[in-house]
Amino acid sequence: MVVDLGCGDAALAKALVPKGFSVLSFDIVSDGEWVIEADVCDKIPLPGSEAGGGRVVDVVVCALSLMSTNWPECIRETRRILKDNGELKVAEVTSRFTNVKDFISLVESLGFELTKQEQPTTHFTLFDFKVSAPPNPPISAKDWKATLKKGPTILKPCEYKRR
């Protein structure tokens, strides 16, 4: 199963479902047909726990969807729902990164391992991660607060300009 977080109009699902893939598309607003309403930085409505078990997702795609300052919450939720051999694919605007190594380090601290990084254009950076061992010991509440504070210093929040 593929999960597209921050899917917009569900273009990925519309392209893959006719080819036989199972795709669930989540965004802050539902379209009533393809998109399931969910704040993916709060709770993705799928089974799984940080301790393991019940996970059903093979691949999570975050294409230009880590927009808010609490984006580490989204990564943590992604780890919760992915199977042990699952993959996380991230595409983000290159100019949003203050430090790509710190971004990778934070994602890896939440139970992932970087398998590929590329910058196909000057505008976008792509990352492939695979699930690794969960953080052991689990992240304490104090450490989690510190991780959340790092979020907007590593990946700048999106700024919308009026035209």
C-alpha atoms as a PDB file:
ATOM      1  CA  MET A   1       0.000   0.000   0.000  1.00  0.00           C
ATOM      2  CA  VAL A   2       1.176   3.508  -0.888  1.00  0.00           C
ATOM      3  CA  VAL A   3       0.210   6.505   1.265  1.00  0.00           C
ATOM      4  CA  ASP A   4       0.474  10.032  -0.134  1.00  0.00           C
ATOM      5  CA  LEU A   5       0.626  12.648   2.628  1.00  0.00           C
ATOM      6  CA  GLY A   6      -0.303  16.211   1.729  1.00  0.00           C
ATOM      7  CA  CYS A   7      -1.575  14.883  -1.582  1.00  0.00           C
ATOM      8  CA  GLY A   8      -3.358  17.978  -2.908  1.00  0.00           C
ATOM      9  CA  ASP A   9      -5.716  16.739  -5.630  1.00  0.00           C
ATOM     10  CA  ALA A  10      -4.486  13.112  -5.321  1.00  0.00           C
ATOM     11  CA  ALA A  11      -2.639  13.085  -8.652  1.00  0.00           C
ATOM     12  CA  LEU A  12      -0.443  10.187  -7.495  1.00  0.00           C
ATOM     13  CA  ALA A  13      -3.454   8.006  -6.651  1.00  0.00           C
ATOM     14  CA  LYS A  14      -5.198   8.916  -9.895  1.00  0.00           C
ATOM     15  CA  ALA A  15      -2.095   7.785 -11.800  1.00  0.00           C
ATOM     16  CA  LEU A  16      -1.339   4.595  -9.817  1.00  0.00           C
ATOM     17  CA  VAL A  17      -4.759   3.138  -8.940  1.00  0.00           C
ATOM     18  CA  PRO A  18      -5.626   2.360 -12.602  1.00  0.00           C
ATOM     19  CA  LYS A  19      -2.326   0.435 -12.761  1.00  0.00           C
ATOM     20  CA  GLY A  20      -3.381  -1.816  -9.874  1.00  0.00           C
ATOM     21  CA  PHE A  21      -1.721  -0.073  -6.928  1.00  0.00           C
ATOM     22  CA  SER A  22      -3.466   0.535  -3.604  1.00  0.00           C
ATOM     23  CA  VAL A  23      -3.077   4.212  -2.731  1.00  0.00           C
ATOM     24  CA  LEU A  24      -4.505   6.249   0.135  1.00  0.00           C
ATOM     25  CA  SER A  25      -4.321  10.027  -0.211  1.00  0.00           C
ATOM     26  CA  PHE A  26      -4.434  12.340   2.809  1.00  0.00           C
ATOM     27  CA  ASP A  27      -4.642  16.121   2.994  1.00  0.00           C
ATOM     28  CA  ILE A  28      -5.996  18.789   5.325  1.00  0.00           C
ATOM     29  CA  VAL A  29      -9.197  19.018   3.204  1.00  0.00           C
ATOM     30  CA  SER A  30     -11.066  16.114   1.603  1.00  0.00           C
ATOM     31  CA  ASP A  31     -12.456  16.206  -1.910  1.00  0.00           C
ATOM     32  CA  GLY A  32     -15.049  13.583  -0.955  1.00  0.00           C
ATOM     33  CA  GLU A  33     -13.754  11.077  -3.499  1.00  0.00           C
ATOM     34  CA  TRP A  34      -9.979  10.616  -3.627  1.00  0.00           C
ATOM     35  CA  VAL A  35      -8.680  12.590  -0.628  1.00  0.00           C
ATOM     36  CA  ILE A  36      -9.132  11.609   3.030  1.00  0.00           C
ATOM     37  CA  GLU A  37      -9.195  14.561   5.425  1.00  0.00           C
ATOM     38  CA  ALA A  38      -6.484  14.360   8.075  1.00  0.00           C
ATOM     39  CA  ASP A  39      -3.906  16.514   9.805  1.00  0.00           C
ATOM     40  CA  VAL A  40      -1.026  14.163   9.052  1.00  0.00           C
ATOM     41  CA  CYS A  41       1.258  15.940  11.515  1.00  0.00           C
ATOM     42  CA  ASP A  42      -1.194  15.050  14.267  1.00  0.00           C
ATOM     43  CA  LYS A  43      -2.565  11.582  13.488  1.00  0.00           C
ATOM     44  CA  ILE A  44      -2.699   9.526  10.323  1.00  0.00           C
ATOM     45  CA  PRO A  45      -5.872   7.406  10.582  1.00  0.00           C
ATOM     46  CA  LEU A  46      -4.148   4.080   9.956  1.00  0.00           C
ATOM     47  CA  PRO A  47      -3.115   1.221  12.247  1.00  0.00           C
ATOM     48  CA  GLY A  48       0.315   0.872  13.760  1.00  0.00           C
ATOM     49  CA  SER A  49       2.109   1.746  16.951  1.00  0.00           C
ATOM     50  CA  GLU A  50       5.541   3.042  17.821  1.00  0.00           C
ATOM     51  CA  ALA A  51       6.183  -0.279  19.550  1.00  0.00           C
ATOM     52  CA  GLY A  52       5.383  -2.153  16.318  1.00  0.00           C
ATOM     53  CA  GLY A  53       2.628  -4.379  15.034  1.00  0.00           C
ATOM     54  CA  GLY A  54      -0.410  -3.755  12.867  1.00  0.00           C
ATOM     55  CA  ARG A  55       1.420  -1.724  10.256  1.00  0.00           C
ATOM     56  CA  VAL A  56       0.018  -1.962   6.713  1.00  0.00           C
ATOM     57  CA  VAL A  57       1.889   0.660   4.655  1.00  0.00           C
ATOM     58  CA  ASP A  58       4.730  -0.163   2.245  1.00  0.00           C
ATOM     59  CA  VAL A  59       5.595   3.331   0.974  1.00  0.00           C
ATOM     60  CA  VAL A  60       4.856   6.862   2.214  1.00  0.00           C
ATOM     61  CA  VAL A  61       5.274   9.804  -0.142  1.00  0.00           C
ATOM     62  CA  CYS A  62       5.736  13.349   1.188  1.00  0.00           C
ATOM     63  CA  ALA A  63       5.976  15.508  -1.925  1.00  0.00           C
ATOM     64  CA  LEU A  64       6.090  19.169  -0.924  1.00  0.00           C
ATOM     65  CA  SER A  65       4.026  18.331   2.140  1.00  0.00           C
ATOM     66  CA  LEU A  66       6.330  19.046   5.102  1.00  0.00           C
ATOM     67  CA  MET A  67       5.143  22.654   5.091  1.00  0.00           C
ATOM     68  CA  SER A  68       4.430  23.350   8.743  1.00  0.00           C
ATOM     69  CA  THR A  69       6.838  23.981  11.597  1.00  0.00           C
ATOM     70  CA  ASN A  70       5.840  20.693  13.249  1.00  0.00           C
ATOM     71  CA  TRP A  71       6.952  18.570  10.275  1.00  0.00           C
ATOM     72  CA  PRO A  72       8.886  16.165  12.571  1.00  0.00           C
ATOM     73  CA  GLU A  73       5.453  15.034  13.864  1.00  0.00           C
ATOM     74  CA  CYS A  74       4.621  13.943  10.311  1.00  0.00           C
ATOM     75  CA  ILE A  75       7.856  11.952  10.076  1.00  0.00           C
ATOM     76  CA  ARG A  76       7.138  10.307  13.434  1.00  0.00           C
ATOM     77  CA  GLU A  77       3.611   9.372  12.280  1.00  0.00           C
ATOM     78  CA  THR A  78       5.076   8.013   9.052  1.00  0.00           C
ATOM     79  CA  ARG A  79       7.386   5.732  11.038  1.00  0.00           C
ATOM     80  CA  ARG A  80       4.414   4.545  13.100  1.00  0.00           C
ATOM     81  CA  ILE A  81       2.422   3.344  10.069  1.00  0.00           C
ATOM     82  CA  LEU A  82       5.226   1.928   7.877  1.00  0.00           C
ATOM     83  CA  LYS A  83       5.992  -1.784   7.795  1.00  0.00           C
ATOM     84  CA  ASP A  84       9.450  -2.874   8.947  1.00  0.00           C
ATOM     85  CA  ASN A  85      10.731  -2.900   5.356  1.00  0.00           C
ATOM     86  CA  GLY A  86       8.844   0.291   4.431  1.00  0.00           C
ATOM     87  CA  GLU A  87      10.091   3.279   2.482  1.00  0.00           C
ATOM     88  CA  LEU A  88       9.694   7.023   2.945  1.00  0.00           C
ATOM     89  CA  LYS A  89      10.087   9.234  -0.119  1.00  0.00           C
ATOM     90  CA  VAL A  90      10.465  12.980   0.447  1.00  0.00           C
ATOM     91  CA  ALA A  91      10.581  15.744  -2.156  1.00  0.00           C
ATOM     92  CA  GLU A  92      11.079  19.297  -0.919  1.00  0.00           C
ATOM     93  CA  VAL A  93      11.996  22.728  -2.201  1.00  0.00           C
ATOM     94  CA  THR A  94      15.775  23.029  -1.888  1.00  0.00           C
ATOM     95  CA  SER A  95      15.698  26.639  -0.667  1.00  0.00           C
ATOM     96  CA  ARG A  96      13.730  25.606   2.436  1.00  0.00           C
ATOM     97  CA  PHE A  97      16.672  23.648   3.880  1.00  0.00           C
ATOM     98  CA  THR A  98      19.002  25.479   6.223  1.00  0.00           C
ATOM     99  CA  ASN A  99      21.122  22.339   6.561  1.00  0.00           C
ATOM    100  CA  VAL A 100      20.412  19.161   4.588  1.00  0.00           C
ATOM    101  CA  LYS A 101      22.667  17.040   6.837  1.00  0.00           C
ATOM    102  CA  ASP A 102      20.665  18.129   9.896  1.00  0.00           C
ATOM    103  CA  PHE A 103      17.423  17.222   8.084  1.00  0.00           C
ATOM    104  CA  ILE A 104      18.744  13.751   7.301  1.00  0.00           C
ATOM    105  CA  SER A 105      20.021  13.340  10.863  1.00  0.00           C
ATOM    106  CA  LEU A 106      16.661  14.284  12.373  1.00  0.00           C
ATOM    107  CA  VAL A 107      14.749  11.896  10.091  1.00  0.00           C
ATOM    108  CA  GLU A 108      17.232   9.112  10.867  1.00  0.00           C
ATOM    109  CA  SER A 109      16.845   9.757  14.611  1.00  0.00           C
ATOM    110  CA  LEU A 110      13.157   8.854  14.215  1.00  0.00           C
ATOM    111  CA  GLY A 111      13.885   5.364  12.880  1.00  0.00           C
ATOM    112  CA  PHE A 112      14.937   5.761   9.244  1.00  0.00           C
ATOM    113  CA  GLU A 113      18.076   5.267   7.180  1.00  0.00           C
ATOM    114  CA  LEU A 114      18.882   7.368   4.119  1.00  0.00           C
ATOM    115  CA  THR A 115      19.260   5.207   0.998  1.00  0.00           C
ATOM    116  CA  LYS A 116      19.363   7.886  -1.698  1.00  0.00           C
ATOM    117  CA  GLN A 117      19.560  11.649  -2.038  1.00  0.00           C
ATOM    118  CA  GLU A 118      19.482  13.587  -5.275  1.00  0.00           C
ATOM    119  CA  GLN A 119      18.900  17.076  -6.564  1.00  0.00           C
ATOM    120  CA  PRO A 120      17.522  16.662 -10.097  1.00  0.00           C
ATOM    121  CA  THR A 121      17.075  20.424 -10.487  1.00  0.00           C
ATOM    122  CA  THR A 122      18.209  23.502  -8.602  1.00  0.00           C
ATOM    123  CA  HIS A 123      14.714  23.798  -7.118  1.00  0.00           C
ATOM    124  CA  PHE A 124      14.039  20.371  -5.581  1.00  0.00           C
ATOM    125  CA  THR A 125      15.819  17.816  -3.406  1.00  0.00           C
ATOM    126  CA  LEU A 126      14.662  14.188  -3.247  1.00  0.00           C
ATOM    127  CA  PHE A 127      15.301  11.727  -0.430  1.00  0.00           C
ATOM    128  CA  ASP A 128      14.649   8.001  -0.138  1.00  0.00           C
ATOM    129  CA  PHE A 129      14.673   6.546   3.364  1.00  0.00           C
ATOM    130  CA  LYS A 130      13.989   3.023   4.561  1.00  0.00           C
ATOM    131  CA  VAL A 131      12.698   1.999   7.949  1.00  0.00           C
ATOM    132  CA  SER A 132      15.490   1.062  10.328  1.00  0.00           C
ATOM    133  CA  ALA A 133      15.347   0.049  13.954  1.00  0.00           C
ATOM    134  CA  PRO A 134      13.025   2.185  16.055  1.00  0.00           C
ATOM    135  CA  PRO A 135      14.704   4.640  18.394  1.00  0.00           C
ATOM    136  CA  ASN A 136      15.977   2.666  21.359  1.00  0.00           C
ATOM    137  CA  PRO A 137      15.354   3.747  23.985  1.00  0.00           C
ATOM    138  CA  PRO A 138      12.199   5.508  22.807  1.00  0.00           C
ATOM    139  CA  ILE A 139      12.429   9.291  22.621  1.00  0.00           C
ATOM    140  CA  SER A 140      11.653  10.879  25.981  1.00  0.00           C
ATOM    141  CA  ALA A 141       9.119  13.705  26.216  1.00  0.00           C
ATOM    142  CA  LYS A 142      11.952  16.154  26.919  1.00  0.00           C
ATOM    143  CA  ASP A 143      13.976  14.997  23.901  1.00  0.00           C
ATOM    144  CA  TRP A 144      10.857  15.092  21.718  1.00  0.00           C
ATOM    145  CA  LYS A 145      10.244  18.745  22.646  1.00  0.00           C
ATOM    146  CA  ALA A 146      13.845  19.527  21.677  1.00  0.00           C
ATOM    147  CA  THR A 147      13.392  17.677  18.368  1.00  0.00           C
ATOM    148  CA  LEU A 148      10.233  19.650  17.596  1.00  0.00           C
ATOM    149  CA  LYS A 149      12.063  22.923  18.300  1.00  0.00           C
ATOM    150  CA  LYS A 150      14.719  21.956  15.739  1.00  0.00           C
ATOM    151  CA  GLY A 151      12.116  21.445  13.004  1.00  0.00           C
ATOM    152  CA  PRO A 152      11.700  25.050  11.794  1.00  0.00           C
ATOM    153  CA  THR A 153      15.429  25.740  12.147  1.00  0.00           C
ATOM    154  CA  ILE A 154      16.267  22.887   9.743  1.00  0.00           C
ATOM    155  CA  LEU A 155      13.416  23.159   7.251  1.00  0.00           C
ATOM    156  CA  LYS A 156      12.075  26.684   6.947  1.00  0.00           C
ATOM    157  CA  PRO A 157       8.279  27.026   6.997  1.00  0.00           C
ATOM    158  CA  CYS A 158       6.677  27.843   3.678  1.00  0.00           C
ATOM    159  CA  GLU A 159       5.986  31.496   3.103  1.00  0.00           C
ATOM    160  CA  TYR A 160       3.096  32.372   0.878  1.00  0.00           C
ATOM    161  CA  LYS A 161       3.466  35.616  -0.989  1.00  0.00           C
ATOM    162  CA  ARG A 162       0.471  37.656  -2.033  1.00  0.00           C
ATOM    163  CA  ARG A 163       0.367  38.454  -5.699  1.00  0.00           C
END
